């Protein structure tokens, strides 16, 4: 089943229209989850992905198409700084222009993820109800998220006590790490004082 059959208005908010192409990438090697690469177009981030440590020698240099505009370099600098601050527990919300490529439905799901506060979670079903869809389609959009962490798909969990899946390197272990970093609670879970 594809998600394109669901009539969803284009998202508003922090997600911009997808850019035509990636202009530059930046490799960040020293994250707790391993090396990641951030990609940007002329005016927005378009991807964040995990790199295989075996491929680091070939990925170690910033990849640039043509001469990067100073704004692209500044955007990658800011994205790296915010990612480092988030992973250090010093940043609760990213403030970066985003232009992920995807269907209108996926972009609506990604916008819903951006609306989940730091340290909170929502279920696939809850987002599906917000969008008039089904949980499986929301899960597909989560798995297709091209900018994980910054578009916080790790904050979307399964029903009951299920953590759900995570398509990035490390799978659910990486999702657990990110939720633990945020001290997130599952929906319906109350804070327990020791």
C-alpha atoms as a PDB file:
ATOM      1  CA  UNK A   1       0.000   0.000   0.000  1.00  0.00           C
ATOM      2  CA  UNK A   2       1.382   3.412  -0.862  1.00  0.00           C
ATOM      3  CA  UNK A   3       0.581   6.579   0.988  1.00  0.00           C
ATOM      4  CA  UNK A   4      -0.181   8.628  -2.098  1.00  0.00           C
ATOM      5  CA  UNK A   5      -3.868   7.681  -2.175  1.00  0.00           C
ATOM      6  CA  UNK A   6      -4.605   9.641   0.993  1.00  0.00           C
ATOM      7  CA  UNK A   7      -5.796  13.172   0.304  1.00  0.00           C
ATOM      8  CA  UNK A   8      -3.731  15.345   2.608  1.00  0.00           C
ATOM      9  CA  UNK A   9      -3.174  19.069   2.222  1.00  0.00           C
ATOM     10  CA  UNK A  10       0.445  20.133   1.791  1.00  0.00           C
ATOM     11  CA  UNK A  11       2.049  20.790   5.159  1.00  0.00           C
ATOM     12  CA  UNK A  12       2.636  24.270   6.402  1.00  0.00           C
ATOM     13  CA  UNK A  13       5.192  25.263   8.958  1.00  0.00           C
ATOM     14  CA  UNK A  14       8.902  24.618   9.004  1.00  0.00           C
ATOM     15  CA  UNK A  15       9.170  22.239   6.060  1.00  0.00           C
ATOM     16  CA  UNK A  16       9.863  23.972   2.746  1.00  0.00           C
ATOM     17  CA  UNK A  17       9.324  22.708  -0.767  1.00  0.00           C
ATOM     18  CA  UNK A  18      11.983  20.176  -1.704  1.00  0.00           C
ATOM     19  CA  UNK A  19      15.023  21.581  -3.454  1.00  0.00           C
ATOM     20  CA  UNK A  20      16.158  20.458  -6.848  1.00  0.00           C
ATOM     21  CA  UNK A  21      19.477  19.017  -5.716  1.00  0.00           C
ATOM     22  CA  UNK A  22      22.019  18.600  -2.981  1.00  0.00           C
ATOM     23  CA  UNK A  23      24.825  21.132  -3.234  1.00  0.00           C
ATOM     24  CA  UNK A  24      27.113  20.031  -0.403  1.00  0.00           C
ATOM     25  CA  UNK A  25      27.483  17.504   2.382  1.00  0.00           C
ATOM     26  CA  UNK A  26      29.293  17.557   5.700  1.00  0.00           C
ATOM     27  CA  UNK A  27      30.584  14.512   7.540  1.00  0.00           C
ATOM     28  CA  UNK A  28      30.318  14.556  11.343  1.00  0.00           C
ATOM     29  CA  UNK A  29      32.369  11.610  12.590  1.00  0.00           C
ATOM     30  CA  UNK A  30      32.241  11.801  16.350  1.00  0.00           C
ATOM     31  CA  UNK A  31      28.606  11.310  17.354  1.00  0.00           C
ATOM     32  CA  UNK A  32      27.557   8.755  19.980  1.00  0.00           C
ATOM     33  CA  UNK A  33      25.720   6.869  17.195  1.00  0.00           C
ATOM     34  CA  UNK A  34      28.646   6.805  14.804  1.00  0.00           C
ATOM     35  CA  UNK A  35      29.429   8.995  11.815  1.00  0.00           C
ATOM     36  CA  UNK A  36      26.643  10.911  10.113  1.00  0.00           C
ATOM     37  CA  UNK A  37      26.495  13.005   6.964  1.00  0.00           C
ATOM     38  CA  UNK A  38      24.397  16.163   6.656  1.00  0.00           C
ATOM     39  CA  UNK A  39      23.347  17.313   3.176  1.00  0.00           C
ATOM     40  CA  UNK A  40      22.100  20.734   2.149  1.00  0.00           C
ATOM     41  CA  UNK A  41      20.758  22.482  -0.909  1.00  0.00           C
ATOM     42  CA  UNK A  42      21.228  26.187  -1.505  1.00  0.00           C
ATOM     43  CA  UNK A  43      18.944  27.191   1.356  1.00  0.00           C
ATOM     44  CA  UNK A  44      17.853  24.174   3.425  1.00  0.00           C
ATOM     45  CA  UNK A  45      18.883  20.806   4.824  1.00  0.00           C
ATOM     46  CA  UNK A  46      17.771  17.904   2.671  1.00  0.00           C
ATOM     47  CA  UNK A  47      19.222  14.841   4.430  1.00  0.00           C
ATOM     48  CA  UNK A  48      20.977  13.381   7.437  1.00  0.00           C
ATOM     49  CA  UNK A  49      22.210   9.829   7.174  1.00  0.00           C
ATOM     50  CA  UNK A  50      24.506   7.426   8.934  1.00  0.00           C
ATOM     51  CA  UNK A  51      27.770   6.428   7.285  1.00  0.00           C
ATOM     52  CA  UNK A  52      29.315   2.996   7.424  1.00  0.00           C
ATOM     53  CA  UNK A  53      32.562   3.364   9.406  1.00  0.00           C
ATOM     54  CA  UNK A  54      34.301   1.275   6.726  1.00  0.00           C
ATOM     55  CA  UNK A  55      33.454   3.985   4.173  1.00  0.00           C
ATOM     56  CA  UNK A  56      34.890   6.883   6.197  1.00  0.00           C
ATOM     57  CA  UNK A  57      38.024   7.393   4.102  1.00  0.00           C
ATOM     58  CA  UNK A  58      35.908   8.064   1.002  1.00  0.00           C
ATOM     59  CA  UNK A  59      33.325  10.109   2.935  1.00  0.00           C
ATOM     60  CA  UNK A  60      35.821  12.146   4.960  1.00  0.00           C
ATOM     61  CA  UNK A  61      35.845  15.164   2.684  1.00  0.00           C
ATOM     62  CA  UNK A  62      32.934  17.543   2.304  1.00  0.00           C
ATOM     63  CA  UNK A  63      31.363  16.744  -1.041  1.00  0.00           C
ATOM     64  CA  UNK A  64      30.558  19.803  -3.066  1.00  0.00           C
ATOM     65  CA  UNK A  65      28.817  20.214  -6.410  1.00  0.00           C
ATOM     66  CA  UNK A  66      30.323  23.257  -8.065  1.00  0.00           C
ATOM     67  CA  UNK A  67      31.461  26.092  -5.846  1.00  0.00           C
ATOM     68  CA  UNK A  68      29.435  26.127  -2.648  1.00  0.00           C
ATOM     69  CA  UNK A  69      27.749  29.386  -1.884  1.00  0.00           C
ATOM     70  CA  UNK A  70      28.846  30.819   1.483  1.00  0.00           C
ATOM     71  CA  UNK A  71      25.255  30.385   2.701  1.00  0.00           C
ATOM     72  CA  UNK A  72      25.518  26.598   2.159  1.00  0.00           C
ATOM     73  CA  UNK A  73      28.724  26.424   4.188  1.00  0.00           C
ATOM     74  CA  UNK A  74      27.114  28.542   6.911  1.00  0.00           C
ATOM     75  CA  UNK A  75      24.035  26.280   6.905  1.00  0.00           C
ATOM     76  CA  UNK A  76      26.158  23.139   7.268  1.00  0.00           C
ATOM     77  CA  UNK A  77      28.173  24.817  10.047  1.00  0.00           C
ATOM     78  CA  UNK A  78      24.961  25.717  11.889  1.00  0.00           C
ATOM     79  CA  UNK A  79      23.452  22.247  11.383  1.00  0.00           C
ATOM     80  CA  UNK A  80      26.589  20.596  12.751  1.00  0.00           C
ATOM     81  CA  UNK A  81      26.669  22.979  15.744  1.00  0.00           C
ATOM     82  CA  UNK A  82      22.992  22.337  16.544  1.00  0.00           C
ATOM     83  CA  UNK A  83      23.392  18.568  16.146  1.00  0.00           C
ATOM     84  CA  UNK A  84      26.361  18.597  18.544  1.00  0.00           C
ATOM     85  CA  UNK A  85      24.418  20.756  21.044  1.00  0.00           C
ATOM     86  CA  UNK A  86      21.412  18.405  20.847  1.00  0.00           C
ATOM     87  CA  UNK A  87      23.572  15.318  21.415  1.00  0.00           C
ATOM     88  CA  UNK A  88      25.236  17.069  24.376  1.00  0.00           C
ATOM     89  CA  UNK A  89      21.795  17.667  25.918  1.00  0.00           C
ATOM     90  CA  UNK A  90      22.079  21.432  25.414  1.00  0.00           C
ATOM     91  CA  UNK A  91      19.480  21.933  22.643  1.00  0.00           C
ATOM     92  CA  UNK A  92      15.833  20.942  22.778  1.00  0.00           C
ATOM     93  CA  UNK A  93      14.606  22.192  19.394  1.00  0.00           C
ATOM     94  CA  UNK A  94      16.432  22.546  16.109  1.00  0.00           C
ATOM     95  CA  UNK A  95      16.040  25.829  14.261  1.00  0.00           C
ATOM     96  CA  UNK A  96      17.092  24.981  10.720  1.00  0.00           C
ATOM     97  CA  UNK A  97      15.442  25.356   7.309  1.00  0.00           C
ATOM     98  CA  UNK A  98      14.342  21.922   6.076  1.00  0.00           C
ATOM     99  CA  UNK A  99      13.433  20.770   2.562  1.00  0.00           C
ATOM    100  CA  UNK A 100      12.976  16.993   2.624  1.00  0.00           C
ATOM    101  CA  UNK A 101      11.837  15.375  -0.616  1.00  0.00           C
ATOM    102  CA  UNK A 102       8.629  13.368  -0.283  1.00  0.00           C
ATOM    103  CA  UNK A 103       4.949  13.092  -1.084  1.00  0.00           C
ATOM    104  CA  UNK A 104       2.488  15.582   0.399  1.00  0.00           C
ATOM    105  CA  UNK A 105       1.387  12.905   2.874  1.00  0.00           C
ATOM    106  CA  UNK A 106       4.935  12.155   4.034  1.00  0.00           C
ATOM    107  CA  UNK A 107       5.661  15.851   4.384  1.00  0.00           C
ATOM    108  CA  UNK A 108       2.509  16.222   6.522  1.00  0.00           C
ATOM    109  CA  UNK A 109       3.699  13.359   8.766  1.00  0.00           C
ATOM    110  CA  UNK A 110       7.156  14.937   9.044  1.00  0.00           C
ATOM    111  CA  UNK A 111       5.568  18.259   9.992  1.00  0.00           C
ATOM    112  CA  UNK A 112       3.559  16.422  12.682  1.00  0.00           C
ATOM    113  CA  UNK A 113       6.824  14.968  14.010  1.00  0.00           C
ATOM    114  CA  UNK A 114       8.307  18.454  14.254  1.00  0.00           C
ATOM    115  CA  UNK A 115       5.351  19.414  16.448  1.00  0.00           C
ATOM    116  CA  UNK A 116       6.125  16.688  19.041  1.00  0.00           C
ATOM    117  CA  UNK A 117       7.882  18.441  21.934  1.00  0.00           C
ATOM    118  CA  UNK A 118      11.309  17.377  23.155  1.00  0.00           C
ATOM    119  CA  UNK A 119      10.982  14.571  25.687  1.00  0.00           C
ATOM    120  CA  UNK A 120       7.497  13.591  24.512  1.00  0.00           C
ATOM    121  CA  UNK A 121       6.275  10.825  22.237  1.00  0.00           C
ATOM    122  CA  UNK A 122       3.217  10.187  20.080  1.00  0.00           C
ATOM    123  CA  UNK A 123       2.035   6.906  18.639  1.00  0.00           C
ATOM    124  CA  UNK A 124       1.825   6.117  14.954  1.00  0.00           C
ATOM    125  CA  UNK A 125      -1.940   5.809  15.509  1.00  0.00           C
ATOM    126  CA  UNK A 126      -2.250   9.259  17.100  1.00  0.00           C
ATOM    127  CA  UNK A 127      -0.545  10.915  14.137  1.00  0.00           C
ATOM    128  CA  UNK A 128      -2.660   8.830  11.761  1.00  0.00           C
ATOM    129  CA  UNK A 129      -5.839  10.092  13.460  1.00  0.00           C
ATOM    130  CA  UNK A 130      -4.610  13.703  13.214  1.00  0.00           C
ATOM    131  CA  UNK A 131      -4.102  13.260   9.468  1.00  0.00           C
ATOM    132  CA  UNK A 132      -7.110  11.049   8.736  1.00  0.00           C
ATOM    133  CA  UNK A 133      -4.889   8.138   7.795  1.00  0.00           C
ATOM    134  CA  UNK A 134      -3.740   4.767   9.156  1.00  0.00           C
ATOM    135  CA  UNK A 135      -0.827   3.895  11.442  1.00  0.00           C
ATOM    136  CA  UNK A 136       0.929   1.758   8.814  1.00  0.00           C
ATOM    137  CA  UNK A 137       1.134   4.718   6.405  1.00  0.00           C
ATOM    138  CA  UNK A 138       2.537   6.912   9.194  1.00  0.00           C
ATOM    139  CA  UNK A 139       5.119   4.206   9.936  1.00  0.00           C
ATOM    140  CA  UNK A 140       6.100   4.202   6.270  1.00  0.00           C
ATOM    141  CA  UNK A 141       6.568   7.964   6.343  1.00  0.00           C
ATOM    142  CA  UNK A 142       8.667   7.657   9.506  1.00  0.00           C
ATOM    143  CA  UNK A 143      10.869   5.082   7.804  1.00  0.00           C
ATOM    144  CA  UNK A 144      11.273   7.346   4.770  1.00  0.00           C
ATOM    145  CA  UNK A 145      12.241  10.422   6.823  1.00  0.00           C
ATOM    146  CA  UNK A 146      15.371  11.781   5.110  1.00  0.00           C
ATOM    147  CA  UNK A 147      16.394  14.012   8.040  1.00  0.00           C
ATOM    148  CA  UNK A 148      16.147  11.833  11.189  1.00  0.00           C
ATOM    149  CA  UNK A 149      16.947  13.367  14.586  1.00  0.00           C
ATOM    150  CA  UNK A 150      16.267  16.877  13.231  1.00  0.00           C
ATOM    151  CA  UNK A 151      12.825  15.739  12.069  1.00  0.00           C
ATOM    152  CA  UNK A 152      12.340  13.632  15.211  1.00  0.00           C
ATOM    153  CA  UNK A 153      10.905  10.335  13.952  1.00  0.00           C
ATOM    154  CA  UNK A 154      12.385   8.718  17.077  1.00  0.00           C
ATOM    155  CA  UNK A 155       9.555  10.398  19.043  1.00  0.00           C
ATOM    156  CA  UNK A 156       6.948   8.298  17.204  1.00  0.00           C
ATOM    157  CA  UNK A 157       6.306   4.989  18.955  1.00  0.00           C
ATOM    158  CA  UNK A 158       4.028   2.002  18.656  1.00  0.00           C
ATOM    159  CA  UNK A 159       0.850   1.450  20.649  1.00  0.00           C
ATOM    160  CA  UNK A 160       0.916  -0.058  24.115  1.00  0.00           C
ATOM    161  CA  UNK A 161       4.465  -0.531  25.284  1.00  0.00           C
ATOM    162  CA  UNK A 162       5.956  -0.979  21.793  1.00  0.00           C
ATOM    163  CA  UNK A 163       8.804   1.314  20.873  1.00  0.00           C
ATOM    164  CA  UNK A 164       8.152   0.695  17.175  1.00  0.00           C
ATOM    165  CA  UNK A 165      10.897   0.594  14.586  1.00  0.00           C
ATOM    166  CA  UNK A 166      13.696   2.887  13.518  1.00  0.00           C
ATOM    167  CA  UNK A 167      15.194   2.777  10.050  1.00  0.00           C
ATOM    168  CA  UNK A 168      18.476   4.540  10.773  1.00  0.00           C
ATOM    169  CA  UNK A 169      21.757   2.782  11.554  1.00  0.00           C
ATOM    170  CA  UNK A 170      21.487   0.935  14.848  1.00  0.00           C
ATOM    171  CA  UNK A 171      17.711   0.490  14.548  1.00  0.00           C
ATOM    172  CA  UNK A 172      15.747   0.539  17.784  1.00  0.00           C
ATOM    173  CA  UNK A 173      18.953   0.787  19.848  1.00  0.00           C
ATOM    174  CA  UNK A 174      19.566   4.204  18.272  1.00  0.00           C
ATOM    175  CA  UNK A 175      15.902   5.131  18.866  1.00  0.00           C
ATOM    176  CA  UNK A 176      16.204   4.117  22.531  1.00  0.00           C
ATOM    177  CA  UNK A 177      19.410   6.151  22.844  1.00  0.00           C
ATOM    178  CA  UNK A 178      17.690   9.274  21.460  1.00  0.00           C
ATOM    179  CA  UNK A 179      14.596   8.812  23.648  1.00  0.00           C
ATOM    180  CA  UNK A 180      16.829   8.267  26.688  1.00  0.00           C
ATOM    181  CA  UNK A 181      18.813  11.406  25.790  1.00  0.00           C
ATOM    182  CA  UNK A 182      15.532  13.347  25.881  1.00  0.00           C
ATOM    183  CA  UNK A 183      14.294  11.436  28.965  1.00  0.00           C
ATOM    184  CA  UNK A 184      11.155  10.766  26.936  1.00  0.00           C
ATOM    185  CA  UNK A 185       8.125   8.973  28.349  1.00  0.00           C
ATOM    186  CA  UNK A 186       5.858   6.673  26.395  1.00  0.00           C
ATOM    187  CA  UNK A 187       2.286   7.949  25.889  1.00  0.00           C
ATOM    188  CA  UNK A 188       0.254   7.465  29.059  1.00  0.00           C
ATOM    189  CA  UNK A 189       3.334   6.816  31.190  1.00  0.00           C
ATOM    190  CA  UNK A 190       3.555   8.944  34.311  1.00  0.00           C
ATOM    191  CA  UNK A 191       6.697  10.334  35.846  1.00  0.00           C
ATOM    192  CA  UNK A 192       7.829   8.166  38.726  1.00  0.00           C
ATOM    193  CA  UNK A 193       9.642   9.816  41.597  1.00  0.00           C
ATOM    194  CA  UNK A 194      12.156   7.668  43.471  1.00  0.00           C
END
